[in-house]
Protein backbone atom coordinates (compact mmCIF):
# COMPACT_ATOMS: atom_id res chain seq x y z
CA MET A 1 67.75 -16.01 -36.36
CA MET A 2 64.91 -14.86 -34.15
CA GLU A 3 64.10 -11.20 -34.43
CA LYS A 4 64.45 -9.10 -31.31
CA GLU A 5 61.17 -7.84 -29.95
CA THR A 6 61.39 -5.00 -27.52
CA ALA A 7 58.97 -2.45 -28.90
CA VAL A 8 55.40 -2.48 -27.74
CA THR A 9 52.76 -1.92 -30.37
CA PRO A 10 50.26 0.84 -29.64
CA THR A 11 47.02 0.09 -27.90
CA HIS A 12 44.12 -0.02 -30.33
CA HIS A 13 40.74 1.32 -29.24
CA VAL A 14 38.05 -0.80 -30.82
CA ARG A 15 34.29 -1.20 -30.76
CA SER A 16 32.54 -4.49 -31.49
CA TRP A 17 29.64 -4.78 -33.89
CA TYR A 18 27.26 -4.96 -30.90
CA GLY A 19 28.71 -1.83 -29.22
CA LEU A 20 31.21 -3.10 -26.64
CA SER A 21 34.33 -0.92 -26.48
CA ALA A 22 37.75 -2.25 -25.59
CA GLU A 23 41.48 -1.61 -25.82
CA ILE A 24 43.72 -4.22 -27.39
CA GLY A 25 47.48 -4.31 -27.08
CA VAL A 26 49.30 -7.02 -29.01
CA GLU A 27 52.76 -6.47 -27.66
CA ASN A 28 55.04 -9.27 -28.74
CA ASN A 29 55.55 -13.00 -28.35
CA LEU A 30 55.27 -12.72 -24.59
CA TRP A 31 52.10 -10.83 -23.75
CA HIS A 32 48.77 -9.51 -25.04
CA LEU A 33 46.31 -7.26 -23.25
CA VAL A 34 42.61 -6.78 -23.73
CA ARG A 35 40.88 -4.23 -21.52
CA VAL A 36 37.11 -3.89 -21.39
CA GLY A 37 36.17 -1.02 -19.11
CA GLN A 38 38.11 -1.46 -15.89
CA VAL A 39 38.67 -5.18 -16.47
CA ALA A 40 42.13 -5.95 -17.85
CA LEU A 41 42.77 -9.39 -19.30
CA PRO A 42 46.52 -9.81 -19.80
CA HIS A 43 47.41 -13.20 -21.24
CA PRO A 44 50.15 -15.06 -23.07
CA PRO A 45 49.57 -15.39 -26.82
CA ALA A 46 49.62 -19.20 -26.86
CA VAL A 47 47.29 -19.65 -29.85
CA ASN A 48 48.94 -16.86 -31.81
CA LEU A 49 52.39 -18.36 -31.20
CA ALA A 50 51.33 -21.63 -32.80
CA LEU A 51 49.42 -20.05 -35.69
CA ARG A 52 51.84 -17.23 -36.54
CA ARG A 53 55.15 -19.08 -36.21
CA GLY A 54 57.66 -18.00 -38.84
CA GLN A 55 55.82 -14.87 -39.95
CA PRO A 56 57.51 -11.46 -40.10
CA ARG A 57 56.78 -9.31 -37.05
CA GLN A 58 54.35 -6.85 -38.69
CA GLU A 59 52.26 -9.55 -40.34
CA ARG A 60 52.24 -11.64 -37.16
CA LEU A 61 51.16 -8.65 -35.06
CA TYR A 62 48.47 -7.73 -37.60
CA LEU A 63 46.91 -11.21 -37.59
CA SER A 64 47.33 -11.48 -33.81
CA PHE A 65 45.51 -8.15 -33.35
CA LEU A 66 42.67 -9.39 -35.56
CA HIS A 67 42.54 -12.61 -33.52
CA GLU A 68 42.25 -10.66 -30.26
CA PHE A 69 39.62 -8.37 -31.79
CA GLY A 70 37.93 -11.54 -33.06
CA HIS A 71 37.42 -12.62 -29.46
CA LEU A 72 35.49 -9.42 -28.84
CA GLN A 73 33.56 -9.69 -32.11
CA THR A 74 32.60 -13.32 -31.48
CA LEU A 75 31.78 -12.93 -27.79
CA PRO A 76 28.07 -13.62 -28.51
CA VAL A 77 29.04 -17.02 -29.99
CA ALA A 78 31.08 -17.80 -26.87
CA VAL A 79 28.24 -16.64 -24.60
CA LEU A 80 25.71 -18.81 -26.44
CA HIS A 81 27.97 -21.86 -26.11
CA ALA A 82 28.56 -21.12 -22.41
CA LEU A 83 24.84 -20.65 -21.79
CA TRP A 84 24.12 -23.93 -23.56
CA LEU A 85 26.69 -25.67 -21.37
CA LEU A 86 25.26 -24.08 -18.22
CA ALA A 87 21.66 -24.86 -19.15
CA ASN A 88 22.54 -28.39 -20.19
CA GLY A 89 23.89 -29.02 -16.70
CA ARG A 90 25.26 -32.49 -17.38
CA TRP A 91 28.81 -31.28 -16.81
CA ARG A 92 27.95 -30.82 -13.11
CA ARG A 93 27.14 -34.52 -12.71
CA ARG A 94 30.54 -35.38 -14.14
CA GLY A 95 32.34 -33.61 -11.27
CA PHE A 96 35.77 -32.08 -11.71
CA TRP A 97 36.29 -33.64 -15.16
CA GLY A 98 32.96 -32.32 -16.37
CA THR A 99 33.81 -28.81 -15.20
CA LEU A 100 37.24 -29.01 -16.82
CA ALA A 101 35.71 -30.36 -20.04
CA ALA A 102 33.17 -27.52 -20.13
CA VAL A 103 35.88 -24.88 -19.69
CA VAL A 104 38.15 -26.44 -22.33
CA ALA A 105 35.29 -26.97 -24.83
CA HIS A 106 34.17 -23.38 -24.32
CA GLU A 107 37.68 -22.01 -24.88
CA ALA A 108 38.12 -24.15 -28.01
CA VAL A 109 34.84 -22.90 -29.49
CA TRP A 110 35.83 -19.30 -28.81
CA GLU A 111 39.34 -19.74 -30.26
CA MET A 112 37.92 -21.20 -33.47
CA ALA A 113 35.33 -18.43 -33.70
CA SER A 114 38.04 -15.81 -33.22
CA GLU A 115 40.34 -17.28 -35.86
CA SER A 116 37.38 -17.62 -38.22
CA TYR A 117 36.88 -13.88 -37.75
CA VAL A 118 40.53 -13.36 -38.79
CA LEU A 119 39.97 -15.46 -41.94
CA ILE A 120 36.89 -13.43 -42.88
CA LYS A 121 38.29 -10.01 -41.98
CA ALA A 122 41.74 -10.47 -43.56
CA LYS A 123 40.32 -12.25 -46.63
CA GLY A 124 43.03 -12.52 -49.28
CA GLU A 125 45.69 -11.06 -46.99
CA TYR A 126 45.45 -14.14 -44.74
CA GLY A 127 46.10 -16.47 -47.65
CA ARG A 128 48.90 -14.29 -49.00
CA ILE A 129 50.68 -14.22 -45.64
CA TYR A 130 50.44 -17.99 -45.21
CA ARG A 131 51.54 -18.65 -48.80
CA ARG A 132 54.66 -16.54 -48.24
CA HIS A 133 55.28 -17.97 -44.75
CA PRO A 134 53.70 -21.42 -44.59
CA ASN A 135 53.02 -22.90 -41.20
CA LEU A 136 51.11 -26.04 -42.10
CA ALA A 137 51.92 -27.81 -38.85
CA GLY A 138 50.78 -24.91 -36.67
CA ARG A 139 47.59 -24.34 -38.63
CA PHE A 140 46.79 -28.05 -38.79
CA ALA A 141 47.47 -28.43 -35.05
CA PHE A 142 45.31 -25.44 -34.18
CA TRP A 143 42.28 -26.38 -36.27
CA SER A 144 42.38 -30.12 -35.56
CA VAL A 145 42.98 -29.77 -31.82
CA MET A 146 40.46 -26.96 -31.32
CA PHE A 147 37.80 -28.69 -33.41
CA SER A 148 38.35 -31.99 -31.60
CA LEU A 149 38.20 -30.38 -28.16
CA ALA A 150 35.14 -28.30 -29.01
CA PHE A 151 33.20 -31.04 -30.76
CA TYR A 152 34.02 -34.11 -28.70
CA LEU A 153 33.96 -32.47 -25.28
CA THR A 154 30.68 -30.70 -26.03
CA ARG A 155 29.28 -33.98 -27.35
CA TRP A 156 30.47 -35.83 -24.24
CA LEU A 157 28.91 -33.20 -22.02
CA ALA A 158 25.64 -33.50 -23.93
CA GLY A 159 25.58 -37.29 -23.49
CA LYS A 160 22.86 -38.93 -21.48
CA ASN A 161 25.15 -41.29 -19.62
CA GLU A 162 26.78 -40.37 -16.33
CA GLY A 163 30.30 -41.53 -17.27
C-alpha cells in the first residue's frame, strides 16, 4: 500500500561550501523546490522517484534533500562541464540534435555529481537504507543511464566529425 503524502516538509536554509545560500523544500513525490535568491526552481523529483522507490518516507525525504543540496554543492562541476561544452562549440554545428545532446549531457553530469554528493555525505547511512530497502533496478537504471548519457553524448559532441 502506498503511503499517503499530504504533509509538506519544512524548507531548509542551506549554504554551499562556496558561499551560495538557498532554500530547499523536498515536499513529497510530486514536487521539490529550490530557491536561490529571488529565483525559484520548482521541479518534479524524477530522479529521486527512481532512486528512492520503496523507501520509507523519512529516509526517502532525507536522501532526496541531500540530492537537492548536492545540486547546489556540485554547481561548480556543472558549470565547468557547461563551460567546456560552450567553449568546445561543436554542438552548434550539429544543429538541434547537438543542442539537445549538450543539454542532456550536462543534466546527466550534474545528476551524477549530485548523487555522488549524497553517497559521500550520507556515508554508511546510504548503504544501510539501501540494504534495508533495496532498489537495484532503480539504482542500476540511474547510474547506467546517466553515465551513458553523460559520457557518450559529451564524447559525441567532442568529436571532430560533423555528423
